[in-house]
Structure formats: structure tokens, C-alpha cells
Amino acid sequence: MIGKYLFGIILLSALAFPAVGCAEENGGKVEKKAEVKPAEAFFNDRYAEVRNQECDLESVAKVGEKLEYAVKWKGIPAGRISLDVKRKKIMRGREVLQLEMHTLTNDFLSVMYPVDSTVKSYVDARTGQSYLFRRKLREGSRRVDDRLEFDCTAKDDTGKIEPLSFYSKVKNGETIKNAPRPIPGPVQDALSMVYYMRHLKFTEVGQEHQVLVGSKKRTDIVTVKAIKFERRTVTPFGTFDCVVVEPTGDNEAEGDDLVAASGSASIWLEKNTGIPLMLSVNVKIGTATATLIKEENTELKKNAVEEAGITPPEEE
């Protein structure tokens, strides 16, 4: 269904956005109340070498930054996606930034498949790790209200640190909580990953970064690879030097996890700010694109360059 593709395009996967959530509700019904499985049951040798870099998120995006994208499917206008850095707050004694994404289909598509969804992510302002991820989705007849918490300070019965994730969802007025699941350490969520990519440095074609991304059932390893460097003109902002990256999903991910998706995605990141200027996703039903059309409180315009192939005259 096209609404699902639109929602996923900005989140690196056009086909399989995770059902994720958090167990931070007061009261509520608990489902699958089982003991926490040992970390060895979830992680194999692939995870031993992968650790997320610390990221000073405020060096990437500050409170008040707003980005808006026009989404098209097969060239047909389909809706808008907005990304906002809303505010600071304190969580677990640390400063966190509240990130928010809102997806809305236009009047034409809403007749067939209305989408009006909001996703929030709460991320440590100094380390960039995700603490809490929340979704409230309205996509056609689909309704999702769920949360996912990542706690790297959790301890087992012996007092040993054992990072955990906690999932919950609201269904028929009741809060349903899954058993906690181990995580290998600090992780990103599906929304914070968009900002985390802006922190990654790419100096040559073929360079890769692997990122741990938490979802409902597991922690996925996402590989972000530099495909090429090019200049891209984005109206009305100008022409910019970009790195084009492709995020690759975890081949061992389960079918409903974040990146267990077919199709390929390309993202044009502005060289200096890392702001996504355009995204393109190829799937079985066609190509969907999201192009930046508005920005507030960014440094983007300062980084505009001359049109490709034009060399500025030398100063006398």
C-alpha cells in the first residue's frame, strides 16, 4: 500500500518500518511475560566489531531546525514529510533532544489511502544514542500506537550491566508489554538514524559505516555506503556538493524488522551539514522520491556552490 511506502522513504526503508515501542506506561497489561533471554541468544559474532560512534547531536542539528519534503510516487505528487528538532528535555538525568517526523498525504491520495502519522525520538544530545522512540500512525485503516525504550544502564539480578530494550503498544485501550530484549549497547532508532547519518564522514567512494539500529524484535546492523560524490541543484536553495549514500539492510533481519526490505534507497546528503536534500527509493510498484522544499534554522544556504562546470573568476 502506497501510504506505507511514503511513510518509510525518509527512514531508509520503503517497505518494512518496524512495529516498535516502549514499556514506560503506568500500569497496563503485560503480554509475553517471560524471563529475559541471555544476550547470546540474540547476538552472534557479527556484532562483536560493530559499535555506534558517539555523536554530539547539537553539532548536527539544533532546536528549531525544520525540514520539509515533497513526496512523489512515479512523478505524481503524493504528500509531505516534515522533520523537526522540537525541544530539549531531561531524561535519566541527561539532556535529550526531541526529534519529530510528521507524514501527511495530499488530498488526492488521501481519498484512496490517507496517512497522518507522527513519530518521535528522544536522543542524548551529547552521545547521539536513542533513549525512547514513539509512533502514532494513521495509515488507511491501520492504527499503531507504540513505544520502544533503550536502556544501557539496566542491570541483571547480580548487578551486572545488561543493556535492554522494552517494547509496548496500546491496543483496545490496554497497554501490552513484551518481555525485555538485550541490546548490544547504544543504538539508533528508525528516526534518529536519519540525524545520525549526518554525523558520518565519507571521504571516498565505497567507504562504509555500520550502524546498530534497534527495532521491536532485534538489533539490526545497517550499512551506509558512499556511492558517489556529485553536485545537486535543489530549488529554491541552490546547488550543493553532495555525497550519495545507500543504506543496506541486515540480510539476517526478520521479515518485519527495520531493514528487512527489498528495493534500494539512495540519499543525497549535503557535504557540510549532512542534511538530506533528496531521497529516492525503487520498489516493485515504482520509484518514490522525497525532495527538500523548505528549511528553517539551518546552515544549508551558506553552503551553496556555483553550478557544476562553472568556475568562479579569480580575484584580482
C-alpha atoms as a PDB file:
ATOM      1  CA  MET A   1       0.000   0.000   0.000  1.00  0.00           C
ATOM      2  CA  ILE A   2       1.448   3.313  -1.104  1.00  0.00           C
ATOM      3  CA  GLY A   3       0.873   5.027   2.246  1.00  0.00           C
ATOM      4  CA  LYS A   4       3.310   2.668   3.906  1.00  0.00           C
ATOM      5  CA  TYR A   5       5.924   3.402   1.233  1.00  0.00           C
ATOM      6  CA  LEU A   6       5.555   7.141   1.740  1.00  0.00           C
ATOM      7  CA  PHE A   7       5.990   6.795   5.468  1.00  0.00           C
ATOM      8  CA  GLY A   8       9.115   4.701   5.143  1.00  0.00           C
ATOM      9  CA  ILE A   9      11.008   6.631   2.484  1.00  0.00           C
ATOM     10  CA  ILE A  10      12.657   9.081   4.844  1.00  0.00           C
ATOM     11  CA  LEU A  11      13.554   6.243   7.198  1.00  0.00           C
ATOM     12  CA  LEU A  12      15.782   4.323   4.835  1.00  0.00           C
ATOM     13  CA  SER A  13      13.302   1.543   4.143  1.00  0.00           C
ATOM     14  CA  ALA A  14      10.284   1.933   1.907  1.00  0.00           C
ATOM     15  CA  LEU A  15       8.812  -1.448   2.659  1.00  0.00           C
ATOM     16  CA  ALA A  16       9.234  -2.529   6.242  1.00  0.00           C
ATOM     17  CA  PHE A  17       9.097   0.027   9.005  1.00  0.00           C
ATOM     18  CA  PRO A  18       9.285  -1.729  12.384  1.00  0.00           C
ATOM     19  CA  ALA A  19       6.484  -2.008  14.869  1.00  0.00           C
ATOM     20  CA  VAL A  20       8.365  -0.571  17.818  1.00  0.00           C
ATOM     21  CA  GLY A  21       7.611   0.918  21.187  1.00  0.00           C
ATOM     22  CA  CYS A  22       8.458   1.201  24.842  1.00  0.00           C
ATOM     23  CA  ALA A  23       7.386  -0.169  28.231  1.00  0.00           C
ATOM     24  CA  GLU A  24       7.097   3.093  30.094  1.00  0.00           C
ATOM     25  CA  GLU A  25       3.328   3.252  30.544  1.00  0.00           C
ATOM     26  CA  ASN A  26       1.833   3.399  34.032  1.00  0.00           C
ATOM     27  CA  GLY A  27       0.052   0.166  34.697  1.00  0.00           C
ATOM     28  CA  GLY A  28      -1.295  -1.773  31.734  1.00  0.00           C
ATOM     29  CA  LYS A  29      -1.497  -5.357  30.686  1.00  0.00           C
ATOM     30  CA  VAL A  30       1.662  -7.383  30.241  1.00  0.00           C
ATOM     31  CA  GLU A  31       1.873  -9.863  27.382  1.00  0.00           C
ATOM     32  CA  LYS A  32       4.555 -12.496  26.872  1.00  0.00           C
ATOM     33  CA  LYS A  33       5.822 -12.130  30.415  1.00  0.00           C
ATOM     34  CA  ALA A  34       8.920 -14.243  30.112  1.00  0.00           C
ATOM     35  CA  GLU A  35      12.377 -14.088  31.587  1.00  0.00           C
ATOM     36  CA  VAL A  36      14.928 -12.094  29.651  1.00  0.00           C
ATOM     37  CA  LYS A  37      16.861 -14.372  27.312  1.00  0.00           C
ATOM     38  CA  PRO A  38      20.648 -14.147  27.532  1.00  0.00           C
ATOM     39  CA  ALA A  39      22.355 -11.818  25.081  1.00  0.00           C
ATOM     40  CA  GLU A  40      23.991 -14.819  23.401  1.00  0.00           C
ATOM     41  CA  ALA A  41      20.554 -15.826  22.127  1.00  0.00           C
ATOM     42  CA  PHE A  42      20.339 -12.600  20.107  1.00  0.00           C
ATOM     43  CA  PHE A  43      23.879 -11.682  19.060  1.00  0.00           C
ATOM     44  CA  ASN A  44      26.421 -13.597  17.050  1.00  0.00           C
ATOM     45  CA  ASP A  45      29.995 -12.781  16.044  1.00  0.00           C
ATOM     46  CA  ARG A  46      28.791 -10.125  13.557  1.00  0.00           C
ATOM     47  CA  TYR A  47      28.045  -7.777  16.450  1.00  0.00           C
ATOM     48  CA  ALA A  48      31.481  -8.017  18.060  1.00  0.00           C
ATOM     49  CA  GLU A  49      33.063  -5.399  15.792  1.00  0.00           C
ATOM     50  CA  VAL A  50      30.107  -3.012  15.446  1.00  0.00           C
ATOM     51  CA  ARG A  51      29.745  -0.123  17.871  1.00  0.00           C
ATOM     52  CA  ASN A  52      27.943   3.144  17.221  1.00  0.00           C
ATOM     53  CA  GLN A  53      30.114   6.237  17.333  1.00  0.00           C
ATOM     54  CA  GLU A  54      29.277   8.898  19.869  1.00  0.00           C
ATOM     55  CA  CYS A  55      27.659  11.855  18.127  1.00  0.00           C
ATOM     56  CA  ASP A  56      27.257  15.367  19.523  1.00  0.00           C
ATOM     57  CA  LEU A  57      23.776  15.746  18.095  1.00  0.00           C
ATOM     58  CA  GLU A  58      23.724  19.511  18.598  1.00  0.00           C
ATOM     59  CA  SER A  59      26.674  19.807  16.230  1.00  0.00           C
ATOM     60  CA  VAL A  60      24.427  18.241  13.599  1.00  0.00           C
ATOM     61  CA  ALA A  61      21.016  19.821  14.282  1.00  0.00           C
ATOM     62  CA  LYS A  62      19.851  22.423  16.782  1.00  0.00           C
ATOM     63  CA  VAL A  63      16.492  23.019  18.429  1.00  0.00           C
ATOM     64  CA  GLY A  64      14.247  24.846  15.970  1.00  0.00           C
ATOM     65  CA  GLU A  65      15.560  23.174  12.832  1.00  0.00           C
ATOM     66  CA  LYS A  66      12.759  22.254  10.443  1.00  0.00           C
ATOM     67  CA  LEU A  67      12.953  20.393   7.144  1.00  0.00           C
ATOM     68  CA  GLU A  68      10.032  19.738   4.818  1.00  0.00           C
ATOM     69  CA  TYR A  69       9.999  17.342   1.875  1.00  0.00           C
ATOM     70  CA  ALA A  70       7.649  16.933  -1.066  1.00  0.00           C
ATOM     71  CA  VAL A  71       6.983  13.265  -1.801  1.00  0.00           C
ATOM     72  CA  LYS A  72       6.242  11.939  -5.269  1.00  0.00           C
ATOM     73  CA  TRP A  73       5.439   8.455  -6.477  1.00  0.00           C
ATOM     74  CA  LYS A  74       6.158   7.823 -10.168  1.00  0.00           C
ATOM     75  CA  GLY A  75       6.436  11.594 -10.506  1.00  0.00           C
ATOM     76  CA  ILE A  76       2.941  12.191  -9.093  1.00  0.00           C
ATOM     77  CA  PRO A  77       2.681  14.471  -6.019  1.00  0.00           C
ATOM     78  CA  ALA A  78       1.687  12.318  -3.047  1.00  0.00           C
ATOM     79  CA  GLY A  79       2.242  14.228   0.194  1.00  0.00           C
ATOM     80  CA  ARG A  80       4.677  15.910   2.575  1.00  0.00           C
ATOM     81  CA  ILE A  81       7.105  14.808   5.255  1.00  0.00           C
ATOM     82  CA  SER A  82       8.423  17.197   7.903  1.00  0.00           C
ATOM     83  CA  LEU A  83      11.377  16.694  10.245  1.00  0.00           C
ATOM     84  CA  ASP A  84      11.637  18.907  13.338  1.00  0.00           C
ATOM     85  CA  VAL A  85      14.078  19.241  16.206  1.00  0.00           C
ATOM     86  CA  LYS A  86      11.399  20.239  18.690  1.00  0.00           C
ATOM     87  CA  ARG A  87      12.940  20.888  22.081  1.00  0.00           C
ATOM     88  CA  LYS A  88      15.310  19.835  24.860  1.00  0.00           C
ATOM     89  CA  LYS A  89      14.260  17.936  27.941  1.00  0.00           C
ATOM     90  CA  ILE A  90      15.857  15.932  30.745  1.00  0.00           C
ATOM     91  CA  MET A  91      15.670  12.139  30.690  1.00  0.00           C
ATOM     92  CA  ARG A  92      17.641   9.878  33.038  1.00  0.00           C
ATOM     93  CA  GLY A  93      19.451  12.975  34.242  1.00  0.00           C
ATOM     94  CA  ARG A  94      20.729  13.756  30.744  1.00  0.00           C
ATOM     95  CA  GLU A  95      19.830  16.389  28.177  1.00  0.00           C
ATOM     96  CA  VAL A  96      17.967  14.873  25.246  1.00  0.00           C
ATOM     97  CA  LEU A  97      16.659  16.336  22.017  1.00  0.00           C
ATOM     98  CA  GLN A  98      13.133  15.535  20.910  1.00  0.00           C
ATOM     99  CA  LEU A  99      13.063  14.748  17.191  1.00  0.00           C
ATOM    100  CA  GLU A 100       9.740  14.555  15.397  1.00  0.00           C
ATOM    101  CA  MET A 101       8.577  13.436  11.968  1.00  0.00           C
ATOM    102  CA  HIS A 102       5.118  14.062  10.561  1.00  0.00           C
ATOM    103  CA  THR A 103       3.828  12.420   7.389  1.00  0.00           C
ATOM    104  CA  LEU A 104       0.716  13.638   5.596  1.00  0.00           C
ATOM    105  CA  THR A 105      -0.732  12.580   2.259  1.00  0.00           C
ATOM    106  CA  ASN A 106      -2.215  15.190  -0.072  1.00  0.00           C
ATOM    107  CA  ASP A 107      -5.937  15.484  -0.800  1.00  0.00           C
ATOM    108  CA  PHE A 108      -5.718  13.333  -3.934  1.00  0.00           C
ATOM    109  CA  LEU A 109      -4.010  10.343  -2.318  1.00  0.00           C
ATOM    110  CA  SER A 110      -5.985  10.710   0.914  1.00  0.00           C
ATOM    111  CA  VAL A 111      -9.120   9.707  -0.963  1.00  0.00           C
ATOM    112  CA  MET A 112      -7.564   6.285  -1.571  1.00  0.00           C
ATOM    113  CA  TYR A 113      -5.156   5.903   1.343  1.00  0.00           C
ATOM    114  CA  PRO A 114      -4.983   8.695   3.940  1.00  0.00           C
ATOM    115  CA  VAL A 115      -1.817   8.972   6.012  1.00  0.00           C
ATOM    116  CA  ASP A 116      -1.450  11.276   9.028  1.00  0.00           C
ATOM    117  CA  SER A 117       1.314   9.884  11.230  1.00  0.00           C
ATOM    118  CA  THR A 118       3.721  11.200  13.833  1.00  0.00           C
ATOM    119  CA  VAL A 119       6.969   9.647  15.058  1.00  0.00           C
ATOM    120  CA  LYS A 120       9.051  10.949  17.957  1.00  0.00           C
ATOM    121  CA  SER A 121      12.579  10.101  19.028  1.00  0.00           C
ATOM    122  CA  TYR A 122      14.352  11.165  22.218  1.00  0.00           C
ATOM    123  CA  VAL A 123      18.112  11.198  21.735  1.00  0.00           C
ATOM    124  CA  ASP A 124      21.003  12.011  24.060  1.00  0.00           C
ATOM    125  CA  ALA A 125      22.240  15.444  22.956  1.00  0.00           C
ATOM    126  CA  ARG A 126      25.892  14.596  23.657  1.00  0.00           C
ATOM    127  CA  THR A 127      26.250  10.941  22.654  1.00  0.00           C
ATOM    128  CA  GLY A 128      23.557  10.638  19.984  1.00  0.00           C
ATOM    129  CA  GLN A 129      22.171   7.379  21.372  1.00  0.00           C
ATOM    130  CA  SER A 130      18.445   6.800  21.323  1.00  0.00           C
ATOM    131  CA  TYR A 131      16.593   6.552  24.638  1.00  0.00           C
ATOM    132  CA  LEU A 132      12.986   6.411  23.519  1.00  0.00           C
ATOM    133  CA  PHE A 133      11.062   6.003  20.267  1.00  0.00           C
ATOM    134  CA  ARG A 134       7.311   6.546  19.901  1.00  0.00           C
ATOM    135  CA  ARG A 135       4.880   6.170  16.991  1.00  0.00           C
ATOM    136  CA  LYS A 136       1.319   7.198  16.411  1.00  0.00           C
ATOM    137  CA  LEU A 137       0.406   6.034  12.940  1.00  0.00           C
ATOM    138  CA  ARG A 138      -2.779   6.592  10.987  1.00  0.00           C
ATOM    139  CA  GLU A 139      -2.379   4.899   7.613  1.00  0.00           C
ATOM    140  CA  GLY A 140      -5.601   3.945   5.850  1.00  0.00           C
ATOM    141  CA  SER A 141      -7.387   1.640   8.295  1.00  0.00           C
ATOM    142  CA  ARG A 142      -4.122   0.841  10.098  1.00  0.00           C
ATOM    143  CA  ARG A 143      -3.681   2.250  13.596  1.00  0.00           C
ATOM    144  CA  VAL A 144      -0.458   1.929  15.583  1.00  0.00           C
ATOM    145  CA  ASP A 145       0.363   3.478  18.951  1.00  0.00           C
ATOM    146  CA  ASP A 146       3.575   2.015  20.332  1.00  0.00           C
ATOM    147  CA  ARG A 147       6.875   2.776  22.035  1.00  0.00           C
ATOM    148  CA  LEU A 148      10.380   1.416  22.397  1.00  0.00           C
ATOM    149  CA  GLU A 149      12.837   2.286  25.152  1.00  0.00           C
ATOM    150  CA  PHE A 150      16.577   1.563  25.088  1.00  0.00           C
ATOM    151  CA  ASP A 151      18.267   1.396  28.490  1.00  0.00           C
ATOM    152  CA  CYS A 152      22.026   0.870  28.522  1.00  0.00           C
ATOM    153  CA  THR A 153      22.137   1.199  32.323  1.00  0.00           C
ATOM    154  CA  ALA A 154      19.840  -1.755  33.050  1.00  0.00           C
ATOM    155  CA  LYS A 155      21.262  -4.429  35.359  1.00  0.00           C
ATOM    156  CA  ASP A 156      20.649  -8.138  35.795  1.00  0.00           C
ATOM    157  CA  ASP A 157      19.941  -9.864  39.120  1.00  0.00           C
ATOM    158  CA  THR A 158      23.639  -9.882  40.007  1.00  0.00           C
ATOM    159  CA  GLY A 159      24.044  -6.143  39.416  1.00  0.00           C
ATOM    160  CA  LYS A 160      25.905  -6.588  36.134  1.00  0.00           C
ATOM    161  CA  ILE A 161      25.128  -4.043  33.407  1.00  0.00           C
ATOM    162  CA  GLU A 162      22.889  -5.640  30.776  1.00  0.00           C
ATOM    163  CA  PRO A 163      21.553  -3.149  28.168  1.00  0.00           C
ATOM    164  CA  LEU A 164      17.914  -3.852  27.353  1.00  0.00           C
ATOM    165  CA  SER A 165      15.089  -2.684  25.108  1.00  0.00           C
ATOM    166  CA  PHE A 166      11.456  -2.558  26.237  1.00  0.00           C
ATOM    167  CA  TYR A 167       8.522  -2.637  23.854  1.00  0.00           C
ATOM    168  CA  SER A 168       4.878  -1.805  24.438  1.00  0.00           C
ATOM    169  CA  LYS A 169       1.801  -0.933  22.425  1.00  0.00           C
ATOM    170  CA  VAL A 170      -1.675   0.306  23.156  1.00  0.00           C
ATOM    171  CA  LYS A 171      -4.412  -1.974  21.845  1.00  0.00           C
ATOM    172  CA  ASN A 172      -8.122  -1.589  22.588  1.00  0.00           C
ATOM    173  CA  GLY A 173      -7.285   0.781  25.415  1.00  0.00           C
ATOM    174  CA  GLU A 174      -4.856  -1.623  27.092  1.00  0.00           C
ATOM    175  CA  THR A 175      -1.069  -1.372  27.258  1.00  0.00           C
ATOM    176  CA  ILE A 176       0.568  -4.602  26.139  1.00  0.00           C
ATOM    177  CA  LYS A 177       4.198  -5.090  27.112  1.00  0.00           C
ATOM    178  CA  ASN A 178       6.644  -7.567  25.632  1.00  0.00           C
ATOM    179  CA  ALA A 179       9.453  -9.144  27.592  1.00  0.00           C
ATOM    180  CA  PRO A 180      12.659  -7.054  27.632  1.00  0.00           C
ATOM    181  CA  ARG A 181      15.250  -7.893  24.993  1.00  0.00           C
ATOM    182  CA  PRO A 182      19.024  -7.478  25.230  1.00  0.00           C
ATOM    183  CA  ILE A 183      20.752  -4.909  23.041  1.00  0.00           C
ATOM    184  CA  PRO A 184      24.499  -4.888  22.342  1.00  0.00           C
ATOM    185  CA  GLY A 185      24.938  -1.314  23.593  1.00  0.00           C
ATOM    186  CA  PRO A 186      23.914   2.179  22.434  1.00  0.00           C
ATOM    187  CA  VAL A 187      21.698   2.015  19.354  1.00  0.00           C
ATOM    188  CA  GLN A 188      19.838   4.269  16.967  1.00  0.00           C
ATOM    189  CA  ASP A 189      16.148   4.082  16.211  1.00  0.00           C
ATOM    190  CA  ALA A 190      14.481   4.480  12.820  1.00  0.00           C
ATOM    191  CA  LEU A 191      14.119   8.273  13.139  1.00  0.00           C
ATOM    192  CA  SER A 192      17.329   9.140  14.993  1.00  0.00           C
ATOM    193  CA  MET A 193      19.195   7.217  12.282  1.00  0.00           C
ATOM    194  CA  VAL A 194      18.305   9.997   9.813  1.00  0.00           C
ATOM    195  CA  TYR A 195      20.166  12.505  12.004  1.00  0.00           C
ATOM    196  CA  TYR A 196      22.971  10.107  12.905  1.00  0.00           C
ATOM    197  CA  MET A 197      23.823   9.709   9.212  1.00  0.00           C
ATOM    198  CA  ARG A 198      24.517  13.446   9.086  1.00  0.00           C
ATOM    199  CA  HIS A 199      27.338  12.884  11.561  1.00  0.00           C
ATOM    200  CA  LEU A 200      29.047  10.187   9.495  1.00  0.00           C
ATOM    201  CA  LYS A 201      32.057  11.250   7.415  1.00  0.00           C
ATOM    202  CA  PHE A 202      32.627   9.988   3.879  1.00  0.00           C
ATOM    203  CA  THR A 203      35.890  10.833   2.104  1.00  0.00           C
ATOM    204  CA  GLU A 204      35.909   8.339  -0.757  1.00  0.00           C
ATOM    205  CA  VAL A 205      33.597   6.237  -2.890  1.00  0.00           C
ATOM    206  CA  GLY A 206      32.989   2.814  -1.378  1.00  0.00           C
ATOM    207  CA  GLN A 207      33.553   3.923   2.217  1.00  0.00           C
ATOM    208  CA  GLU A 208      31.117   2.276   4.623  1.00  0.00           C
ATOM    209  CA  HIS A 209      29.806   2.783   8.132  1.00  0.00           C
ATOM    210  CA  GLN A 210      27.917   0.115  10.049  1.00  0.00           C
ATOM    211  CA  VAL A 211      25.260   1.271  12.496  1.00  0.00           C
ATOM    212  CA  LEU A 212      23.295  -0.610  15.159  1.00  0.00           C
ATOM    213  CA  VAL A 213      19.578   0.168  14.812  1.00  0.00           C
ATOM    214  CA  GLY A 214      17.083  -1.131  17.350  1.00  0.00           C
ATOM    215  CA  SER A 215      13.664  -2.451  16.406  1.00  0.00           C
ATOM    216  CA  LYS A 216      10.894  -4.447  18.021  1.00  0.00           C
ATOM    217  CA  LYS A 217      12.427  -7.914  17.761  1.00  0.00           C
ATOM    218  CA  ARG A 218      16.154  -7.389  17.437  1.00  0.00           C
ATOM    219  CA  THR A 219      19.068  -5.063  16.787  1.00  0.00           C
ATOM    220  CA  ASP A 220      19.855  -4.720  13.102  1.00  0.00           C
ATOM    221  CA  ILE A 221      23.188  -3.856  11.506  1.00  0.00           C
ATOM    222  CA  VAL A 222      22.659  -1.198   8.828  1.00  0.00           C
ATOM    223  CA  THR A 223      25.499  -0.489   6.393  1.00  0.00           C
ATOM    224  CA  VAL A 224      25.629   3.027   4.918  1.00  0.00           C
ATOM    225  CA  LYS A 225      27.884   3.166   1.838  1.00  0.00           C
ATOM    226  CA  ALA A 226      29.130   6.136  -0.183  1.00  0.00           C
ATOM    227  CA  ILE A 227      28.208   5.509  -3.830  1.00  0.00           C
ATOM    228  CA  LYS A 228      29.394   8.741  -5.450  1.00  0.00           C
ATOM    229  CA  PHE A 229      30.055  12.429  -4.946  1.00  0.00           C
ATOM    230  CA  GLU A 230      28.204  14.929  -7.096  1.00  0.00           C
ATOM    231  CA  ARG A 231      26.642  18.368  -7.230  1.00  0.00           C
ATOM    232  CA  ARG A 232      22.896  18.585  -6.901  1.00  0.00           C
ATOM    233  CA  THR A 233      20.626  21.556  -7.558  1.00  0.00           C
ATOM    234  CA  VAL A 234      17.646  21.815  -5.234  1.00  0.00           C
ATOM    235  CA  THR A 235      15.173  24.583  -5.976  1.00  0.00           C
ATOM    236  CA  PRO A 236      14.970  27.158  -4.427  1.00  0.00           C
ATOM    237  CA  PHE A 237      18.114  26.706  -2.335  1.00  0.00           C
ATOM    238  CA  GLY A 238      20.824  26.393  -4.970  1.00  0.00           C
ATOM    239  CA  THR A 239      23.474  23.865  -5.954  1.00  0.00           C
ATOM    240  CA  PHE A 240      25.334  21.818  -3.370  1.00  0.00           C
ATOM    241  CA  ASP A 241      28.184  19.345  -3.114  1.00  0.00           C
ATOM    242  CA  CYS A 242      26.690  16.031  -2.005  1.00  0.00           C
ATOM    243  CA  VAL A 243      27.655  12.523  -1.088  1.00  0.00           C
ATOM    244  CA  VAL A 244      25.184   9.936  -2.343  1.00  0.00           C
ATOM    245  CA  VAL A 245      24.807   7.071   0.104  1.00  0.00           C
ATOM    246  CA  GLU A 246      22.916   3.809   0.034  1.00  0.00           C
ATOM    247  CA  PRO A 247      21.798   2.162   3.279  1.00  0.00           C
ATOM    248  CA  THR A 248      21.802  -1.611   3.100  1.00  0.00           C
ATOM    249  CA  GLY A 249      19.632  -3.735   5.322  1.00  0.00           C
ATOM    250  CA  ASP A 250      20.636  -6.610   7.503  1.00  0.00           C
ATOM    251  CA  ASN A 251      20.426  -9.800   5.437  1.00  0.00           C
ATOM    252  CA  GLU A 252      19.697 -11.747   8.604  1.00  0.00           C
ATOM    253  CA  ALA A 253      16.895  -9.444   9.769  1.00  0.00           C
ATOM    254  CA  GLU A 254      13.454 -10.908  10.278  1.00  0.00           C
ATOM    255  CA  GLY A 255      10.634 -10.033   7.920  1.00  0.00           C
ATOM    256  CA  ASP A 256       9.077  -7.206   9.953  1.00  0.00           C
ATOM    257  CA  ASP A 257      12.279  -5.556  11.109  1.00  0.00           C
ATOM    258  CA  LEU A 258      13.508  -2.150  10.028  1.00  0.00           C
ATOM    259  CA  VAL A 259      15.667  -3.063   7.094  1.00  0.00           C
ATOM    260  CA  ALA A 260      14.407  -6.480   6.068  1.00  0.00           C
ATOM    261  CA  ALA A 261      13.129  -4.822   2.922  1.00  0.00           C
ATOM    262  CA  SER A 262      13.555  -5.331  -0.794  1.00  0.00           C
ATOM    263  CA  GLY A 263      14.141  -2.340  -3.009  1.00  0.00           C
ATOM    264  CA  SER A 264      17.032   0.098  -2.995  1.00  0.00           C
ATOM    265  CA  ALA A 265      17.339   3.564  -1.497  1.00  0.00           C
ATOM    266  CA  SER A 266      19.674   6.447  -2.383  1.00  0.00           C
ATOM    267  CA  ILE A 267      20.101   9.539  -0.216  1.00  0.00           C
ATOM    268  CA  TRP A 268      21.792  12.808  -1.243  1.00  0.00           C
ATOM    269  CA  LEU A 269      23.487  14.283   1.860  1.00  0.00           C
ATOM    270  CA  GLU A 270      24.787  17.859   1.649  1.00  0.00           C
ATOM    271  CA  LYS A 271      28.540  17.700   2.178  1.00  0.00           C
ATOM    272  CA  ASN A 272      28.880  20.111   5.120  1.00  0.00           C
ATOM    273  CA  THR A 273      25.614  19.880   7.057  1.00  0.00           C
ATOM    274  CA  GLY A 274      24.691  16.302   6.142  1.00  0.00           C
ATOM    275  CA  ILE A 275      21.122  17.475   5.512  1.00  0.00           C
ATOM    276  CA  PRO A 276      19.266  15.034   3.226  1.00  0.00           C
ATOM    277  CA  LEU A 277      18.450  17.016   0.074  1.00  0.00           C
ATOM    278  CA  MET A 278      16.720  14.186  -1.727  1.00  0.00           C
ATOM    279  CA  LEU A 279      15.814  10.538  -1.245  1.00  0.00           C
ATOM    280  CA  SER A 280      14.878   8.023  -3.901  1.00  0.00           C
ATOM    281  CA  VAL A 281      13.542   4.523  -3.311  1.00  0.00           C
ATOM    282  CA  ASN A 282      12.981   1.932  -6.022  1.00  0.00           C
ATOM    283  CA  VAL A 283      10.390  -0.709  -5.191  1.00  0.00           C
ATOM    284  CA  LYS A 284       8.248  -3.131  -7.150  1.00  0.00           C
ATOM    285  CA  ILE A 285       5.428  -0.623  -7.623  1.00  0.00           C
ATOM    286  CA  GLY A 286       7.698   2.160  -8.882  1.00  0.00           C
ATOM    287  CA  THR A 287      10.038   4.899  -7.701  1.00  0.00           C
ATOM    288  CA  ALA A 288       9.221   7.193  -4.784  1.00  0.00           C
ATOM    289  CA  THR A 289      11.174  10.379  -4.112  1.00  0.00           C
ATOM    290  CA  ALA A 290      11.295  12.957  -1.338  1.00  0.00           C
ATOM    291  CA  THR A 291      12.855  16.345  -2.150  1.00  0.00           C
ATOM    292  CA  LEU A 292      13.626  19.154   0.279  1.00  0.00           C
ATOM    293  CA  ILE A 293      11.357  22.170  -0.322  1.00  0.00           C
ATOM    294  CA  LYS A 294      11.591  24.154   2.936  1.00  0.00           C
ATOM    295  CA  GLU A 295      14.136  24.653   5.700  1.00  0.00           C
ATOM    296  CA  GLU A 296      14.311  26.734   8.855  1.00  0.00           C
ATOM    297  CA  ASN A 297      17.209  27.404  11.220  1.00  0.00           C
ATOM    298  CA  THR A 298      19.863  25.519   9.267  1.00  0.00           C
ATOM    299  CA  GLU A 299      23.231  26.418   7.743  1.00  0.00           C
ATOM    300  CA  LEU A 300      22.238  24.932   4.387  1.00  0.00           C
ATOM    301  CA  LYS A 301      22.075  28.084   2.245  1.00  0.00           C
ATOM    302  CA  LYS A 302      25.562  29.140   3.339  1.00  0.00           C
ATOM    303  CA  ASN A 303      26.954  26.048   1.655  1.00  0.00           C
ATOM    304  CA  ALA A 304      25.515  26.640  -1.810  1.00  0.00           C
ATOM    305  CA  VAL A 305      28.166  26.463  -4.558  1.00  0.00           C
ATOM    306  CA  GLU A 306      28.318  27.551  -8.190  1.00  0.00           C
ATOM    307  CA  GLU A 307      26.569  25.465 -10.801  1.00  0.00           C
ATOM    308  CA  ALA A 308      28.539  22.382 -11.798  1.00  0.00           C
ATOM    309  CA  GLY A 309      31.088  23.148 -14.506  1.00  0.00           C
ATOM    310  CA  ILE A 310      31.252  26.890 -13.733  1.00  0.00           C
ATOM    311  CA  THR A 311      34.409  28.198 -12.110  1.00  0.00           C
ATOM    312  CA  PRO A 312      34.177  31.491 -10.220  1.00  0.00           C
ATOM    313  CA  PRO A 313      36.525  34.205 -11.584  1.00  0.00           C
ATOM    314  CA  GLU A 314      39.738  34.735  -9.662  1.00  0.00           C
ATOM    315  CA  GLU A 315      40.019  37.871  -7.581  1.00  0.00           C
ATOM    316  CA  GLU A 316      42.480  40.430  -8.922  1.00  0.00           C
END
